[in-house]
Amino acid sequence: MSVDAVIAEFLADSDLEWEAGASEGEVVVTLPGEKKLRTVVSLVTSPTWLIARAFVVRNPDENHDRVHRFLLAKNLRLPGIAYAVDASGDVYVTGRLPAAAVTPEALDHLLGAILDASDSPFNELLALGFRTSMEKEWAWRVDRGESLRNLEAFRGLLERPGDPPREA
């Protein structure tokens, strides 16, 4: 069975959202997350490989060394995938399987590993790379009485004396 056929069968049997990608041999799969609302994974096939790549976070505004060190340390424990940085400094997680090794089980494992690598450290990456921006956003929202709901995960880092309590 071809890699494309394995992917098609896997997606038909799953509840995942997906669509054809922009290039030939590409399928784009959307994985639901917890910390990051969703992870969009590009699966690109060739006669010899399946390459999977997902955007994790944009180029950090600050603490590049700490963010990159954090990612490199995590690379040591990742199962067949790795973090990478593109020319713009944006962070991706990528994996590669030989075409002969692509089975529904291997694809499930690969997508699960990519989702975990994208979703699990997401808040920590935001806190490391975007804290100053988040502090400004928090202050702006508090000063104007705006909702803090999407920043609640960072309340411990951002809260100032006199800020409103958690939203119900």
Protein backbone atom coordinates (compact mmCIF):
# COMPACT_ATOMS: atom_id res chain seq x y z
CA MET A 1 0.00 0.00 0.00
CA SER A 2 1.35 3.45 -0.90
CA VAL A 3 2.07 6.10 1.74
CA ASP A 4 -0.75 8.25 0.32
CA ALA A 5 -3.16 5.30 0.64
CA VAL A 6 -2.10 4.66 4.25
CA ILE A 7 -2.65 8.34 5.09
CA ALA A 8 -6.05 8.35 3.34
CA GLU A 9 -7.14 5.22 5.22
CA PHE A 10 -5.87 6.59 8.54
CA LEU A 11 -7.73 9.90 8.07
CA ALA A 12 -10.93 8.14 6.95
CA ASP A 13 -10.87 6.12 10.18
CA SER A 14 -10.15 9.16 12.39
CA ASP A 15 -12.20 12.11 13.58
CA LEU A 16 -9.48 14.53 12.54
CA GLU A 17 -10.06 17.55 10.33
CA TRP A 18 -7.91 17.52 7.21
CA GLU A 19 -7.65 18.94 3.72
CA ALA A 20 -5.44 18.68 0.68
CA GLY A 21 -2.36 20.85 0.95
CA ALA A 22 -1.05 23.47 -1.44
CA SER A 23 1.56 21.18 -2.99
CA GLU A 24 1.22 17.79 -4.60
CA GLY A 25 1.48 14.95 -2.12
CA GLU A 26 0.58 17.19 0.84
CA VAL A 27 -2.22 16.71 3.34
CA VAL A 28 -2.86 19.21 6.13
CA VAL A 29 -4.24 17.74 9.36
CA THR A 30 -5.61 19.78 12.27
CA LEU A 31 -5.03 18.28 15.71
CA PRO A 32 -6.99 19.58 18.71
CA GLY A 33 -4.90 20.84 21.62
CA GLU A 34 -5.27 21.89 25.21
CA LYS A 35 -2.80 24.74 25.77
CA LYS A 36 -2.52 25.59 22.10
CA LEU A 37 -6.01 25.43 20.63
CA ARG A 38 -4.89 23.47 17.59
CA THR A 39 -1.81 22.20 15.86
CA VAL A 40 -1.82 22.15 12.07
CA VAL A 41 0.44 19.45 10.65
CA SER A 42 1.62 19.31 7.05
CA LEU A 43 2.18 15.75 5.85
CA VAL A 44 4.22 15.65 2.63
CA THR A 45 4.87 12.39 0.87
CA SER A 46 7.51 11.39 -1.61
CA PRO A 47 8.44 7.98 -2.99
CA THR A 48 10.91 7.53 -0.13
CA TRP A 49 9.70 9.66 2.81
CA LEU A 50 6.80 11.00 4.79
CA ILE A 51 7.71 14.39 6.21
CA ALA A 52 5.55 15.94 8.93
CA ARG A 53 5.91 19.55 10.04
CA ALA A 54 3.90 21.74 12.39
CA PHE A 55 4.23 25.37 13.42
CA VAL A 56 4.76 25.75 17.16
CA VAL A 57 5.32 29.44 17.89
CA ARG A 58 6.49 32.52 16.02
CA ASN A 59 9.96 34.00 16.45
CA PRO A 60 10.25 35.01 20.11
CA ASP A 61 10.29 38.71 20.91
CA GLU A 62 12.86 38.18 23.67
CA ASN A 63 15.07 35.59 25.37
CA HIS A 64 16.05 33.84 22.14
CA ASP A 65 18.93 32.01 23.84
CA ARG A 66 16.69 30.69 26.62
CA VAL A 67 13.95 29.64 24.18
CA HIS A 68 16.43 27.86 21.90
CA ARG A 69 18.19 26.17 24.83
CA PHE A 70 14.80 25.01 26.13
CA LEU A 71 13.94 23.53 22.73
CA LEU A 72 17.33 21.87 22.27
CA ALA A 73 17.08 20.26 25.70
CA LYS A 74 13.63 18.94 24.77
CA ASN A 75 15.01 17.57 21.47
CA LEU A 76 17.03 15.06 23.50
CA ARG A 77 13.82 13.38 24.69
CA LEU A 78 11.61 13.59 21.60
CA PRO A 79 10.69 10.33 19.84
CA GLY A 80 11.74 10.65 16.20
CA ILE A 81 10.89 14.32 15.89
CA ALA A 82 12.77 17.54 16.58
CA TYR A 83 12.27 21.26 16.97
CA ALA A 84 13.65 23.46 14.22
CA VAL A 85 13.80 27.18 13.51
CA ASP A 86 13.18 28.59 10.04
CA ALA A 87 14.88 31.60 8.41
CA SER A 88 12.39 33.95 10.11
CA GLY A 89 13.10 32.46 13.53
CA ASP A 90 9.70 30.76 13.78
CA VAL A 91 9.70 27.45 15.65
CA TYR A 92 8.46 24.23 14.08
CA VAL A 93 8.45 20.59 15.09
CA THR A 94 9.28 18.15 12.32
CA GLY A 95 9.51 14.42 11.83
CA ARG A 96 10.37 12.07 9.03
CA LEU A 97 9.50 8.44 8.39
CA PRO A 98 10.82 6.21 5.61
CA ALA A 99 7.96 5.41 3.23
CA ALA A 100 8.30 1.70 3.99
CA ALA A 101 7.71 2.37 7.70
CA VAL A 102 4.44 4.30 7.29
CA THR A 103 1.59 2.34 8.83
CA PRO A 104 -1.57 3.60 10.54
CA GLU A 105 0.09 2.90 13.91
CA ALA A 106 3.29 4.74 12.96
CA LEU A 107 1.27 7.68 11.63
CA ASP A 108 -0.78 7.80 14.85
CA HIS A 109 2.44 7.77 16.89
CA LEU A 110 4.02 10.49 14.74
CA LEU A 111 0.99 12.79 14.94
CA GLY A 112 0.67 12.18 18.67
CA ALA A 113 4.33 13.04 19.24
CA ILE A 114 4.02 16.21 17.14
CA LEU A 115 0.88 17.27 19.00
CA ASP A 116 2.54 16.72 22.36
CA ALA A 117 5.69 18.60 21.31
CA SER A 118 3.60 21.51 20.04
CA ASP A 119 0.97 21.66 22.78
CA SER A 120 2.70 20.65 26.04
CA PRO A 121 5.41 23.34 26.17
CA PHE A 122 3.29 26.07 24.52
CA ASN A 123 2.60 28.17 27.62
CA GLU A 124 6.21 27.90 28.77
CA LEU A 125 7.44 29.02 25.34
CA LEU A 126 5.08 32.00 25.44
CA ALA A 127 6.25 32.94 28.93
CA LEU A 128 9.91 32.68 27.90
CA GLY A 129 9.68 34.41 24.55
CA PHE A 130 6.83 36.89 24.88
CA ARG A 131 6.56 37.88 28.54
CA THR A 132 7.00 41.62 28.01
CA SER A 133 4.28 41.68 25.34
CA MET A 134 2.01 39.63 27.58
CA GLU A 135 2.59 42.01 30.51
CA LYS A 136 1.63 44.96 28.29
CA GLU A 137 -1.46 43.15 27.03
CA TRP A 138 -2.48 42.23 30.59
CA ALA A 139 -2.10 45.83 31.79
CA TRP A 140 -3.99 47.18 28.77
CA ARG A 141 -6.89 44.77 29.37
CA VAL A 142 -7.03 45.47 33.12
CA ASP A 143 -6.93 49.25 32.59
CA ARG A 144 -9.83 49.05 30.11
CA GLY A 145 -11.86 46.41 31.93
CA GLU A 146 -11.40 43.91 29.10
CA SER A 147 -11.60 40.15 29.52
CA LEU A 148 -8.47 38.39 30.82
CA ARG A 149 -9.79 34.94 29.92
CA ASN A 150 -7.19 34.01 27.32
CA LEU A 151 -4.37 35.18 29.63
CA GLU A 152 -5.58 33.37 32.78
CA ALA A 153 -2.99 30.59 32.32
CA PHE A 154 -0.34 33.28 32.90
CA ARG A 155 -2.01 35.08 35.81
CA GLY A 156 0.78 34.02 38.20
CA LEU A 157 3.35 35.76 35.99
CA LEU A 158 1.31 38.79 34.99
CA GLU A 159 -0.94 39.71 37.91
CA ARG A 160 -0.29 42.99 39.67
CA PRO A 161 -1.57 44.10 43.08
CA GLY A 162 -5.15 45.33 42.70
CA ASP A 163 -5.90 43.39 39.49
CA PRO A 164 -9.39 41.89 39.28
CA PRO A 165 -9.96 38.31 40.48
CA ARG A 166 -10.27 35.35 38.11
CA GLU A 167 -13.23 35.47 35.77
CA ALA A 168 -16.00 32.96 36.37
